[in-house]
Amino acid sequence: MNTKRLFIATLFGLIFGFICYGLASASGPAWFIVVSIILGRTLIGFTIGISILKIKWWLHGIIIGFLVSLPMAFPTIAMPEKGMSIFIGTIVMGIIYGFLIELFTTVVFKAKA
């Protein structure tokens, strides 16, 4: 296992988790939503760091970002009024964060799988 890759990917997942929380916190979400946002994005980074899939880096980040964001997105469907838009936003942002985490890990810091 490449520990450099695991560390960098998880660190950027954590960083993007705080960024995501900062962008989503305009209405002051409850503490469990804050934890869910930060841990969800950190989990994307951790999963990217431990993954052994041999596909193009950008596709790898997109796929992992999509898959790991699904569990966080599904509960938002039940929210009144904006549930579906939050669901879609969570998935889209997961894809973007997955791509960015993989970009920084593989391209910028050259920590290949």
PDB file of N, CA and C in Angstrom:
ATOM      1  N   MET A   1       0.850  -1.185   0.000  1.00  0.00           N
ATOM      2  CA  MET A   1       0.000   0.000   0.000  1.00  0.00           C
ATOM      3  C   MET A   1       0.889   1.241   0.000  1.00  0.00           C
ATOM      4  N   ASN A   2       0.492   2.210  -0.780  1.00  0.00           N
ATOM      5  CA  ASN A   2       1.219   3.467  -0.876  1.00  0.00           C
ATOM      6  C   ASN A   2       0.716   4.405   0.224  1.00  0.00           C
ATOM      7  N   THR A   3       1.464   4.509   1.318  1.00  0.00           N
ATOM      8  CA  THR A   3       1.013   5.325   2.446  1.00  0.00           C
ATOM      9  C   THR A   3       1.016   6.815   2.122  1.00  0.00           C
ATOM     10  N   LYS A   4       1.928   7.242   1.245  1.00  0.00           N
ATOM     11  CA  LYS A   4       1.947   8.649   0.824  1.00  0.00           C
ATOM     12  C   LYS A   4       0.628   8.988   0.129  1.00  0.00           C
ATOM     13  N   ARG A   5       0.191   8.117  -0.763  1.00  0.00           N
ATOM     14  CA  ARG A   5      -1.064   8.327  -1.488  1.00  0.00           C
ATOM     15  C   ARG A   5      -2.253   8.346  -0.529  1.00  0.00           C
ATOM     16  N   LEU A   6      -2.275   7.392   0.392  1.00  0.00           N
ATOM     17  CA  LEU A   6      -3.361   7.317   1.365  1.00  0.00           C
ATOM     18  C   LEU A   6      -3.430   8.591   2.208  1.00  0.00           C
ATOM     19  N   PHE A   7      -2.285   9.060   2.687  1.00  0.00           N
ATOM     20  CA  PHE A   7      -2.245  10.260   3.514  1.00  0.00           C
ATOM     21  C   PHE A   7      -2.702  11.489   2.737  1.00  0.00           C
ATOM     22  N   ILE A   8      -2.159  11.682   1.550  1.00  0.00           N
ATOM     23  CA  ILE A   8      -2.495  12.876   0.755  1.00  0.00           C
ATOM     24  C   ILE A   8      -3.968  12.877   0.377  1.00  0.00           C
ATOM     25  N   ALA A   9      -4.470  11.749  -0.089  1.00  0.00           N
ATOM     26  CA  ALA A   9      -5.872  11.678  -0.508  1.00  0.00           C
ATOM     27  C   ALA A   9      -6.809  11.912   0.677  1.00  0.00           C
ATOM     28  N   THR A  10      -6.512  11.301   1.818  1.00  0.00           N
ATOM     29  CA  THR A  10      -7.360  11.492   3.003  1.00  0.00           C
ATOM     30  C   THR A  10      -7.291  12.930   3.497  1.00  0.00           C
ATOM     31  N   LEU A  11      -6.106  13.508   3.492  1.00  0.00           N
ATOM     32  CA  LEU A  11      -5.955  14.904   3.914  1.00  0.00           C
ATOM     33  C   LEU A  11      -6.767  15.841   3.020  1.00  0.00           C
ATOM     34  N   PHE A  12      -6.681  15.635   1.707  1.00  0.00           N
ATOM     35  CA  PHE A  12      -7.459  16.496   0.818  1.00  0.00           C
ATOM     36  C   PHE A  12      -8.955  16.231   0.945  1.00  0.00           C
ATOM     37  N   GLY A  13      -9.334  15.008   1.247  1.00  0.00           N
ATOM     38  CA  GLY A  13     -10.738  14.728   1.534  1.00  0.00           C
ATOM     39  C   GLY A  13     -11.214  15.522   2.735  1.00  0.00           C
ATOM     40  N   LEU A  14     -10.394  15.565   3.790  1.00  0.00           N
ATOM     41  CA  LEU A  14     -10.727  16.335   4.985  1.00  0.00           C
ATOM     42  C   LEU A  14     -10.806  17.826   4.669  1.00  0.00           C
ATOM     43  N   ILE A  15      -9.845  18.325   3.922  1.00  0.00           N
ATOM     44  CA  ILE A  15      -9.849  19.746   3.542  1.00  0.00           C
ATOM     45  C   ILE A  15     -11.110  20.081   2.751  1.00  0.00           C
ATOM     46  N   PHE A  16     -11.429  19.251   1.767  1.00  0.00           N
ATOM     47  CA  PHE A  16     -12.638  19.504   0.973  1.00  0.00           C
ATOM     48  C   PHE A  16     -13.900  19.298   1.793  1.00  0.00           C
ATOM     49  N   GLY A  17     -13.835  18.464   2.822  1.00  0.00           N
ATOM     50  CA  GLY A  17     -14.976  18.323   3.731  1.00  0.00           C
ATOM     51  C   GLY A  17     -15.281  19.628   4.437  1.00  0.00           C
ATOM     52  N   PHE A  18     -14.234  20.302   4.919  1.00  0.00           N
ATOM     53  CA  PHE A  18     -14.434  21.598   5.577  1.00  0.00           C
ATOM     54  C   PHE A  18     -14.880  22.659   4.575  1.00  0.00           C
ATOM     55  N   ILE A  19     -14.356  22.610   3.368  1.00  0.00           N
ATOM     56  CA  ILE A  19     -14.799  23.548   2.332  1.00  0.00           C
ATOM     57  C   ILE A  19     -16.270  23.319   2.018  1.00  0.00           C
ATOM     58  N   CYS A  20     -16.638  22.055   1.858  1.00  0.00           N
ATOM     59  CA  CYS A  20     -18.040  21.714   1.569  1.00  0.00           C
ATOM     60  C   CYS A  20     -18.945  22.183   2.708  1.00  0.00           C
ATOM     61  N   TYR A  21     -18.531  21.957   3.936  1.00  0.00           N
ATOM     62  CA  TYR A  21     -19.313  22.431   5.076  1.00  0.00           C
ATOM     63  C   TYR A  21     -19.447  23.952   5.053  1.00  0.00           C
ATOM     64  N   GLY A  22     -18.352  24.635   4.754  1.00  0.00           N
ATOM     65  CA  GLY A  22     -18.394  26.097   4.682  1.00  0.00           C
ATOM     66  C   GLY A  22     -19.356  26.597   3.625  1.00  0.00           C
ATOM     67  N   LEU A  23     -19.418  25.903   2.508  1.00  0.00           N
ATOM     68  CA  LEU A  23     -20.348  26.294   1.443  1.00  0.00           C
ATOM     69  C   LEU A  23     -21.785  25.950   1.783  1.00  0.00           C
ATOM     70  N   ALA A  24     -21.991  24.919   2.605  1.00  0.00           N
ATOM     71  CA  ALA A  24     -23.348  24.461   2.933  1.00  0.00           C
ATOM     72  C   ALA A  24     -23.879  25.044   4.226  1.00  0.00           C
ATOM     73  N   SER A  25     -23.067  25.792   4.965  1.00  0.00           N
ATOM     74  CA  SER A  25     -23.456  26.191   6.309  1.00  0.00           C
ATOM     75  C   SER A  25     -24.199  27.519   6.401  1.00  0.00           C
ATOM     76  N   ALA A  26     -24.681  28.038   5.314  1.00  0.00           N
ATOM     77  CA  ALA A  26     -25.364  29.331   5.355  1.00  0.00           C
ATOM     78  C   ALA A  26     -26.573  29.304   6.280  1.00  0.00           C
ATOM     79  N   SER A  27     -27.283  28.180   6.354  1.00  0.00           N
ATOM     80  CA  SER A  27     -28.456  28.092   7.211  1.00  0.00           C
ATOM     81  C   SER A  27     -28.140  27.459   8.567  1.00  0.00           C
ATOM     82  N   GLY A  28     -26.866  27.213   8.862  1.00  0.00           N
ATOM     83  CA  GLY A  28     -26.466  26.662  10.151  1.00  0.00           C
ATOM     84  C   GLY A  28     -26.974  25.258  10.400  1.00  0.00           C
ATOM     85  N   PRO A  29     -26.472  24.247   9.671  1.00  0.00           N
ATOM     86  CA  PRO A  29     -26.967  22.886   9.838  1.00  0.00           C
ATOM     87  C   PRO A  29     -26.644  22.319  11.211  1.00  0.00           C
ATOM     88  N   ALA A  30     -27.413  21.323  11.631  1.00  0.00           N
ATOM     89  CA  ALA A  30     -27.217  20.662  12.915  1.00  0.00           C
ATOM     90  C   ALA A  30     -25.855  19.961  12.932  1.00  0.00           C
ATOM     91  N   TRP A  31     -25.354  19.685  14.133  1.00  0.00           N
ATOM     92  CA  TRP A  31     -24.012  19.102  14.284  1.00  0.00           C
ATOM     93  C   TRP A  31     -23.857  17.783  13.546  1.00  0.00           C
ATOM     94  N   PHE A  32     -24.882  16.952  13.510  1.00  0.00           N
ATOM     95  CA  PHE A  32     -24.751  15.653  12.845  1.00  0.00           C
ATOM     96  C   PHE A  32     -24.661  15.804  11.333  1.00  0.00           C
ATOM     97  N   ILE A  33     -25.226  16.855  10.795  1.00  0.00           N
ATOM     98  CA  ILE A  33     -25.094  17.120   9.363  1.00  0.00           C
ATOM     99  C   ILE A  33     -23.674  17.612   9.068  1.00  0.00           C
ATOM    100  N   VAL A  34     -23.150  18.436   9.959  1.00  0.00           N
ATOM    101  CA  VAL A  34     -21.773  18.920   9.817  1.00  0.00           C
ATOM    102  C   VAL A  34     -20.805  17.741   9.812  1.00  0.00           C
ATOM    103  N   VAL A  35     -20.961  16.847  10.774  1.00  0.00           N
ATOM    104  CA  VAL A  35     -20.102  15.667  10.863  1.00  0.00           C
ATOM    105  C   VAL A  35     -20.260  14.805   9.610  1.00  0.00           C
ATOM    106  N   SER A  36     -21.485  14.645   9.151  1.00  0.00           N
ATOM    107  CA  SER A  36     -21.741  13.841   7.955  1.00  0.00           C
ATOM    108  C   SER A  36     -21.055  14.431   6.728  1.00  0.00           C
ATOM    109  N   ILE A  37     -21.121  15.733   6.573  1.00  0.00           N
ATOM    110  CA  ILE A  37     -20.490  16.397   5.430  1.00  0.00           C
ATOM    111  C   ILE A  37     -18.972  16.204   5.474  1.00  0.00           C
ATOM    112  N   ILE A  38     -18.369  16.500   6.607  1.00  0.00           N
ATOM    113  CA  ILE A  38     -16.913  16.420   6.718  1.00  0.00           C
ATOM    114  C   ILE A  38     -16.428  14.980   6.579  1.00  0.00           C
ATOM    115  N   LEU A  39     -17.078  14.052   7.270  1.00  0.00           N
ATOM    116  CA  LEU A  39     -16.657  12.650   7.177  1.00  0.00           C
ATOM    117  C   LEU A  39     -16.939  12.055   5.803  1.00  0.00           C
ATOM    118  N   GLY A  40     -18.027  12.474   5.180  1.00  0.00           N
ATOM    119  CA  GLY A  40     -18.342  11.966   3.838  1.00  0.00           C
ATOM    120  C   GLY A  40     -17.278  12.334   2.828  1.00  0.00           C
ATOM    121  N   ARG A  41     -16.817  13.557   2.859  1.00  0.00           N
ATOM    122  CA  ARG A  41     -15.769  13.991   1.925  1.00  0.00           C
ATOM    123  C   ARG A  41     -14.415  13.385   2.289  1.00  0.00           C
ATOM    124  N   THR A  42     -14.164  13.224   3.599  1.00  0.00           N
ATOM    125  CA  THR A  42     -12.933  12.572   4.024  1.00  0.00           C
ATOM    126  C   THR A  42     -12.934  11.111   3.578  1.00  0.00           C
ATOM    127  N   LEU A  43     -14.087  10.474   3.631  1.00  0.00           N
ATOM    128  CA  LEU A  43     -14.208   9.090   3.183  1.00  0.00           C
ATOM    129  C   LEU A  43     -13.930   8.953   1.690  1.00  0.00           C
ATOM    130  N   ILE A  44     -14.313   9.949   0.909  1.00  0.00           N
ATOM    131  CA  ILE A  44     -13.970   9.935  -0.517  1.00  0.00           C
ATOM    132  C   ILE A  44     -12.447   9.889  -0.665  1.00  0.00           C
ATOM    133  N   GLY A  45     -11.746  10.759   0.069  1.00  0.00           N
ATOM    134  CA  GLY A  45     -10.289  10.781   0.005  1.00  0.00           C
ATOM    135  C   GLY A  45      -9.673   9.475   0.463  1.00  0.00           C
ATOM    136  N   PHE A  46     -10.161   8.935   1.572  1.00  0.00           N
ATOM    137  CA  PHE A  46      -9.635   7.675   2.082  1.00  0.00           C
ATOM    138  C   PHE A  46      -9.853   6.545   1.074  1.00  0.00           C
ATOM    139  N   THR A  47     -11.036   6.499   0.482  1.00  0.00           N
ATOM    140  CA  THR A  47     -11.345   5.453  -0.492  1.00  0.00           C
ATOM    141  C   THR A  47     -10.461   5.583  -1.724  1.00  0.00           C
ATOM    142  N   ILE A  48     -10.246   6.795  -2.178  1.00  0.00           N
ATOM    143  CA  ILE A  48      -9.329   7.018  -3.303  1.00  0.00           C
ATOM    144  C   ILE A  48      -7.926   6.545  -2.915  1.00  0.00           C
ATOM    145  N   GLY A  49      -7.510   6.826  -1.693  1.00  0.00           N
ATOM    146  CA  GLY A  49      -6.177   6.451  -1.246  1.00  0.00           C
ATOM    147  C   GLY A  49      -5.951   4.947  -1.157  1.00  0.00           C
ATOM    148  N   ILE A  50      -6.979   4.182  -0.816  1.00  0.00           N
ATOM    149  CA  ILE A  50      -6.799   2.732  -0.671  1.00  0.00           C
ATOM    150  C   ILE A  50      -7.202   1.948  -1.909  1.00  0.00           C
ATOM    151  N   SER A  51      -7.855   2.602  -2.853  1.00  0.00           N
ATOM    152  CA  SER A  51      -8.346   1.903  -4.040  1.00  0.00           C
ATOM    153  C   SER A  51      -7.196   1.380  -4.897  1.00  0.00           C
ATOM    154  N   ILE A  52      -7.401   0.195  -5.452  1.00  0.00           N
ATOM    155  CA  ILE A  52      -6.396  -0.403  -6.335  1.00  0.00           C
ATOM    156  C   ILE A  52      -6.901  -0.496  -7.773  1.00  0.00           C
ATOM    157  N   LEU A  53      -7.997   0.189  -8.059  1.00  0.00           N
ATOM    158  CA  LEU A  53      -8.522   0.175  -9.425  1.00  0.00           C
ATOM    159  C   LEU A  53      -7.493   0.781 -10.372  1.00  0.00           C
ATOM    160  N   LYS A  54      -7.299   0.157 -11.499  1.00  0.00           N
ATOM    161  CA  LYS A  54      -6.324   0.633 -12.492  1.00  0.00           C
ATOM    162  C   LYS A  54      -7.076   1.261 -13.668  1.00  0.00           C
ATOM    163  N   ILE A  55      -7.559   2.473 -13.451  1.00  0.00           N
ATOM    164  CA  ILE A  55      -8.236   3.245 -14.504  1.00  0.00           C
ATOM    165  C   ILE A  55      -7.636   4.638 -14.503  1.00  0.00           C
ATOM    166  N   LYS A  56      -7.976   5.429 -15.479  1.00  0.00           N
ATOM    167  CA  LYS A  56      -7.447   6.794 -15.574  1.00  0.00           C
ATOM    168  C   LYS A  56      -7.771   7.549 -14.274  1.00  0.00           C
ATOM    169  N   TRP A  57      -6.826   8.378 -13.825  1.00  0.00           N
ATOM    170  CA  TRP A  57      -6.965   9.056 -12.538  1.00  0.00           C
ATOM    171  C   TRP A  57      -8.243   9.869 -12.445  1.00  0.00           C
ATOM    172  N   TRP A  58      -8.587  10.601 -13.498  1.00  0.00           N
ATOM    173  CA  TRP A  58      -9.762  11.481 -13.447  1.00  0.00           C
ATOM    174  C   TRP A  58     -11.049  10.666 -13.365  1.00  0.00           C
ATOM    175  N   LEU A  59     -11.119   9.545 -14.063  1.00  0.00           N
ATOM    176  CA  LEU A  59     -12.300   8.682 -14.004  1.00  0.00           C
ATOM    177  C   LEU A  59     -12.390   8.006 -12.638  1.00  0.00           C
ATOM    178  N   HIS A  60     -11.252   7.633 -12.088  1.00  0.00           N
ATOM    179  CA  HIS A  60     -11.203   7.025 -10.764  1.00  0.00           C
ATOM    180  C   HIS A  60     -11.803   7.970  -9.722  1.00  0.00           C
ATOM    181  N   GLY A  61     -11.393   9.237  -9.751  1.00  0.00           N
ATOM    182  CA  GLY A  61     -11.923  10.222  -8.808  1.00  0.00           C
ATOM    183  C   GLY A  61     -13.415  10.444  -8.977  1.00  0.00           C
ATOM    184  N   ILE A  62     -13.875  10.486 -10.207  1.00  0.00           N
ATOM    185  CA  ILE A  62     -15.304  10.685 -10.484  1.00  0.00           C
ATOM    186  C   ILE A  62     -16.121   9.512  -9.966  1.00  0.00           C
ATOM    187  N   ILE A  63     -15.672   8.294 -10.251  1.00  0.00           N
ATOM    188  CA  ILE A  63     -16.417   7.104  -9.825  1.00  0.00           C
ATOM    189  C   ILE A  63     -16.462   6.995  -8.305  1.00  0.00           C
ATOM    190  N   ILE A  64     -15.318   7.164  -7.651  1.00  0.00           N
ATOM    191  CA  ILE A  64     -15.280   7.078  -6.189  1.00  0.00           C
ATOM    192  C   ILE A  64     -16.121   8.198  -5.576  1.00  0.00           C
ATOM    193  N   GLY A  65     -16.007   9.405  -6.084  1.00  0.00           N
ATOM    194  CA  GLY A  65     -16.805  10.521  -5.573  1.00  0.00           C
ATOM    195  C   GLY A  65     -18.296  10.256  -5.691  1.00  0.00           C
ATOM    196  N   PHE A  66     -18.702   9.690  -6.810  1.00  0.00           N
ATOM    197  CA  PHE A  66     -20.119   9.360  -7.019  1.00  0.00           C
ATOM    198  C   PHE A  66     -20.581   8.286  -6.039  1.00  0.00           C
ATOM    199  N   LEU A  67     -19.846   7.186  -5.972  1.00  0.00           N
ATOM    200  CA  LEU A  67     -20.257   6.048  -5.141  1.00  0.00           C
ATOM    201  C   LEU A  67     -20.291   6.376  -3.655  1.00  0.00           C
ATOM    202  N   VAL A  68     -19.297   7.089  -3.182  1.00  0.00           N
ATOM    203  CA  VAL A  68     -19.228   7.400  -1.760  1.00  0.00           C
ATOM    204  C   VAL A  68     -20.249   8.474  -1.372  1.00  0.00           C
ATOM    205  N   SER A  69     -20.665   9.312  -2.317  1.00  0.00           N
ATOM    206  CA  SER A  69     -21.655  10.355  -2.020  1.00  0.00           C
ATOM    207  C   SER A  69     -23.084   9.822  -1.960  1.00  0.00           C
ATOM    208  N   LEU A  70     -23.330   8.689  -2.555  1.00  0.00           N
ATOM    209  CA  LEU A  70     -24.697   8.146  -2.574  1.00  0.00           C
ATOM    210  C   LEU A  70     -25.316   7.985  -1.184  1.00  0.00           C
ATOM    211  N   PRO A  71     -24.634   7.347  -0.221  1.00  0.00           N
ATOM    212  CA  PRO A  71     -25.269   7.194   1.097  1.00  0.00           C
ATOM    213  C   PRO A  71     -25.588   8.516   1.775  1.00  0.00           C
ATOM    214  N   MET A  72     -24.776   9.537   1.535  1.00  0.00           N
ATOM    215  CA  MET A  72     -25.042  10.841   2.129  1.00  0.00           C
ATOM    216  C   MET A  72     -26.188  11.556   1.413  1.00  0.00           C
ATOM    217  N   ALA A  73     -26.380  11.250   0.140  1.00  0.00           N
ATOM    218  CA  ALA A  73     -27.383  11.956  -0.655  1.00  0.00           C
ATOM    219  C   ALA A  73     -28.796  11.411  -0.460  1.00  0.00           C
ATOM    220  N   PHE A  74     -28.947  10.100  -0.329  1.00  0.00           N
ATOM    221  CA  PHE A  74     -30.290   9.522  -0.295  1.00  0.00           C
ATOM    222  C   PHE A  74     -31.194  10.057   0.804  1.00  0.00           C
ATOM    223  N   PRO A  75     -30.738  10.289   2.036  1.00  0.00           N
ATOM    224  CA  PRO A  75     -31.646  10.836   3.049  1.00  0.00           C
ATOM    225  C   PRO A  75     -32.203  12.217   2.714  1.00  0.00           C
ATOM    226  N   THR A  76     -31.528  12.960   1.851  1.00  0.00           N
ATOM    227  CA  THR A  76     -31.990  14.310   1.535  1.00  0.00           C
ATOM    228  C   THR A  76     -33.250  14.311   0.672  1.00  0.00           C
ATOM    229  N   ILE A  77     -33.540  13.195   0.022  1.00  0.00           N
ATOM    230  CA  ILE A  77     -34.746  13.118  -0.815  1.00  0.00           C
ATOM    231  C   ILE A  77     -35.996  13.357   0.023  1.00  0.00           C
ATOM    232  N   ALA A  78     -35.974  12.925   1.280  1.00  0.00           N
ATOM    233  CA  ALA A  78     -37.137  13.053   2.152  1.00  0.00           C
ATOM    234  C   ALA A  78     -37.348  14.469   2.678  1.00  0.00           C
ATOM    235  N   MET A  79     -36.413  15.362   2.415  1.00  0.00           N
ATOM    236  CA  MET A  79     -36.558  16.729   2.910  1.00  0.00           C
ATOM    237  C   MET A  79     -37.653  17.458   2.129  1.00  0.00           C
ATOM    238  N   PRO A  80     -38.481  18.203   2.831  1.00  0.00           N
ATOM    239  CA  PRO A  80     -39.533  18.937   2.126  1.00  0.00           C
ATOM    240  C   PRO A  80     -38.943  20.029   1.234  1.00  0.00           C
ATOM    241  N   GLU A  81     -39.627  20.311   0.179  1.00  0.00           N
ATOM    242  CA  GLU A  81     -39.312  21.367  -0.788  1.00  0.00           C
ATOM    243  C   GLU A  81     -38.051  21.126  -1.611  1.00  0.00           C
ATOM    244  N   LYS A  82     -36.863  21.184  -1.017  1.00  0.00           N
ATOM    245  CA  LYS A  82     -35.617  21.162  -1.784  1.00  0.00           C
ATOM    246  C   LYS A  82     -34.918  19.809  -1.775  1.00  0.00           C
ATOM    247  N   GLY A  83     -35.588  18.750  -1.395  1.00  0.00           N
ATOM    248  CA  GLY A  83     -34.963  17.444  -1.250  1.00  0.00           C
ATOM    249  C   GLY A  83     -34.252  16.952  -2.497  1.00  0.00           C
ATOM    250  N   MET A  84     -34.913  17.016  -3.632  1.00  0.00           N
ATOM    251  CA  MET A  84     -34.312  16.491  -4.856  1.00  0.00           C
ATOM    252  C   MET A  84     -33.135  17.350  -5.313  1.00  0.00           C
ATOM    253  N   SER A  85     -33.226  18.650  -5.157  1.00  0.00           N
ATOM    254  CA  SER A  85     -32.105  19.496  -5.570  1.00  0.00           C
ATOM    255  C   SER A  85     -30.901  19.293  -4.656  1.00  0.00           C
ATOM    256  N   ILE A  86     -31.124  19.058  -3.366  1.00  0.00           N
ATOM    257  CA  ILE A  86     -30.015  18.772  -2.456  1.00  0.00           C
ATOM    258  C   ILE A  86     -29.417  17.408  -2.787  1.00  0.00           C
ATOM    259  N   PHE A  87     -30.251  16.436  -3.117  1.00  0.00           N
ATOM    260  CA  PHE A  87     -29.783  15.111  -3.528  1.00  0.00           C
ATOM    261  C   PHE A  87     -28.841  15.222  -4.726  1.00  0.00           C
ATOM    262  N   ILE A  88     -29.301  15.908  -5.758  1.00  0.00           N
ATOM    263  CA  ILE A  88     -28.493  16.067  -6.972  1.00  0.00           C
ATOM    264  C   ILE A  88     -27.221  16.858  -6.668  1.00  0.00           C
ATOM    265  N   GLY A  89     -27.346  17.915  -5.886  1.00  0.00           N
ATOM    266  CA  GLY A  89     -26.177  18.721  -5.517  1.00  0.00           C
ATOM    267  C   GLY A  89     -25.145  17.926  -4.746  1.00  0.00           C
ATOM    268  N   THR A  90     -25.599  17.063  -3.842  1.00  0.00           N
ATOM    269  CA  THR A  90     -24.681  16.233  -3.066  1.00  0.00           C
ATOM    270  C   THR A  90     -23.910  15.289  -3.972  1.00  0.00           C
ATOM    271  N   ILE A  91     -24.600  14.675  -4.927  1.00  0.00           N
ATOM    272  CA  ILE A  91     -23.953  13.761  -5.866  1.00  0.00           C
ATOM    273  C   ILE A  91     -22.974  14.521  -6.763  1.00  0.00           C
ATOM    274  N   VAL A  92     -23.409  15.635  -7.325  1.00  0.00           N
ATOM    275  CA  VAL A  92     -22.553  16.406  -8.230  1.00  0.00           C
ATOM    276  C   VAL A  92     -21.310  16.911  -7.495  1.00  0.00           C
ATOM    277  N   MET A  93     -21.494  17.426  -6.295  1.00  0.00           N
ATOM    278  CA  MET A  93     -20.342  17.917  -5.544  1.00  0.00           C
ATOM    279  C   MET A  93     -19.423  16.775  -5.127  1.00  0.00           C
ATOM    280  N   GLY A  94     -19.974  15.602  -4.841  1.00  0.00           N
ATOM    281  CA  GLY A  94     -19.144  14.434  -4.552  1.00  0.00           C
ATOM    282  C   GLY A  94     -18.272  14.062  -5.737  1.00  0.00           C
ATOM    283  N   ILE A  95     -18.853  14.138  -6.920  1.00  0.00           N
ATOM    284  CA  ILE A  95     -18.092  13.864  -8.145  1.00  0.00           C
ATOM    285  C   ILE A  95     -16.972  14.892  -8.318  1.00  0.00           C
ATOM    286  N   ILE A  96     -17.299  16.155  -8.098  1.00  0.00           N
ATOM    287  CA  ILE A  96     -16.304  17.226  -8.233  1.00  0.00           C
ATOM    288  C   ILE A  96     -15.191  17.058  -7.196  1.00  0.00           C
ATOM    289  N   TYR A  97     -15.564  16.808  -5.930  1.00  0.00           N
ATOM    290  CA  TYR A  97     -14.547  16.634  -4.895  1.00  0.00           C
ATOM    291  C   TYR A  97     -13.703  15.394  -5.161  1.00  0.00           C
ATOM    292  N   GLY A  98     -14.322  14.313  -5.631  1.00  0.00           N
ATOM    293  CA  GLY A  98     -13.556  13.119  -5.987  1.00  0.00           C
ATOM    294  C   GLY A  98     -12.533  13.413  -7.069  1.00  0.00           C
ATOM    295  N   PHE A  99     -12.956  14.144  -8.083  1.00  0.00           N
ATOM    296  CA  PHE A  99     -12.050  14.541  -9.161  1.00  0.00           C
ATOM    297  C   PHE A  99     -10.905  15.391  -8.615  1.00  0.00           C
ATOM    298  N   LEU A 100     -11.243  16.379  -7.777  1.00  0.00           N
ATOM    299  CA  LEU A 100     -10.209  17.283  -7.241  1.00  0.00           C
ATOM    300  C   LEU A 100      -9.245  16.557  -6.306  1.00  0.00           C
ATOM    301  N   ILE A 101      -9.756  15.677  -5.472  1.00  0.00           N
ATOM    302  CA  ILE A 101      -8.884  14.907  -4.576  1.00  0.00           C
ATOM    303  C   ILE A 101      -7.913  14.073  -5.400  1.00  0.00           C
ATOM    304  N   GLU A 102      -8.425  13.418  -6.428  1.00  0.00           N
ATOM    305  CA  GLU A 102      -7.567  12.602  -7.290  1.00  0.00           C
ATOM    306  C   GLU A 102      -6.581  13.474  -8.056  1.00  0.00           C
ATOM    307  N   LEU A 103      -6.998  14.648  -8.494  1.00  0.00           N
ATOM    308  CA  LEU A 103      -6.116  15.580  -9.191  1.00  0.00           C
ATOM    309  C   LEU A 103      -4.929  15.961  -8.307  1.00  0.00           C
ATOM    310  N   PHE A 104      -5.213  16.394  -7.083  1.00  0.00           N
ATOM    311  CA  PHE A 104      -4.135  16.790  -6.183  1.00  0.00           C
ATOM    312  C   PHE A 104      -3.253  15.605  -5.810  1.00  0.00           C
ATOM    313  N   THR A 105      -3.876  14.449  -5.567  1.00  0.00           N
ATOM    314  CA  THR A 105      -3.113  13.279  -5.143  1.00  0.00           C
ATOM    315  C   THR A 105      -2.214  12.751  -6.249  1.00  0.00           C
ATOM    316  N   THR A 106      -2.781  12.544  -7.433  1.00  0.00           N
ATOM    317  CA  THR A 106      -2.057  11.881  -8.512  1.00  0.00           C
ATOM    318  C   THR A 106      -1.223  12.834  -9.365  1.00  0.00           C
ATOM    319  N   VAL A 107      -1.783  13.977  -9.703  1.00  0.00           N
ATOM    320  CA  VAL A 107      -1.107  14.876 -10.633  1.00  0.00           C
ATOM    321  C   VAL A 107      -0.180  15.854  -9.900  1.00  0.00           C
ATOM    322  N   VAL A 108      -0.702  16.536  -8.901  1.00  0.00           N
ATOM    323  CA  VAL A 108       0.093  17.562  -8.218  1.00  0.00           C
ATOM    324  C   VAL A 108       1.175  16.925  -7.329  1.00  0.00           C
ATOM    325  N   PHE A 109       0.783  15.955  -6.487  1.00  0.00           N
ATOM    326  CA  PHE A 109       1.734  15.350  -5.553  1.00  0.00           C
ATOM    327  C   PHE A 109       2.347  14.045  -6.070  1.00  0.00           C
ATOM    328  N   LYS A 110       1.981  13.647  -7.274  1.00  0.00           N
ATOM    329  CA  LYS A 110       2.570  12.484  -7.946  1.00  0.00           C
ATOM    330  C   LYS A 110       2.544  11.205  -7.096  1.00  0.00           C
ATOM    331  N   ALA A 111       1.454  11.018  -6.331  1.00  0.00           N
ATOM    332  CA  ALA A 111       1.290   9.807  -5.529  1.00  0.00           C
ATOM    333  C   ALA A 111       0.396   8.840  -6.283  1.00  0.00           C
ATOM    334  N   LYS A 112       0.995   8.106  -7.170  1.00  0.00           N
ATOM    335  CA  LYS A 112       0.245   7.192  -8.020  1.00  0.00           C
ATOM    336  C   LYS A 112      -0.115   5.920  -7.256  1.00  0.00           C
ATOM    337  N   ALA A 113      -1.179   5.256  -7.743  1.00  0.00           N
ATOM    338  CA  ALA A 113      -1.656   4.019  -7.094  1.00  0.00           C
ATOM    339  C   ALA A 113      -0.685   2.890  -7.278  1.00  0.00           C
TER     340      ALA A 113
END
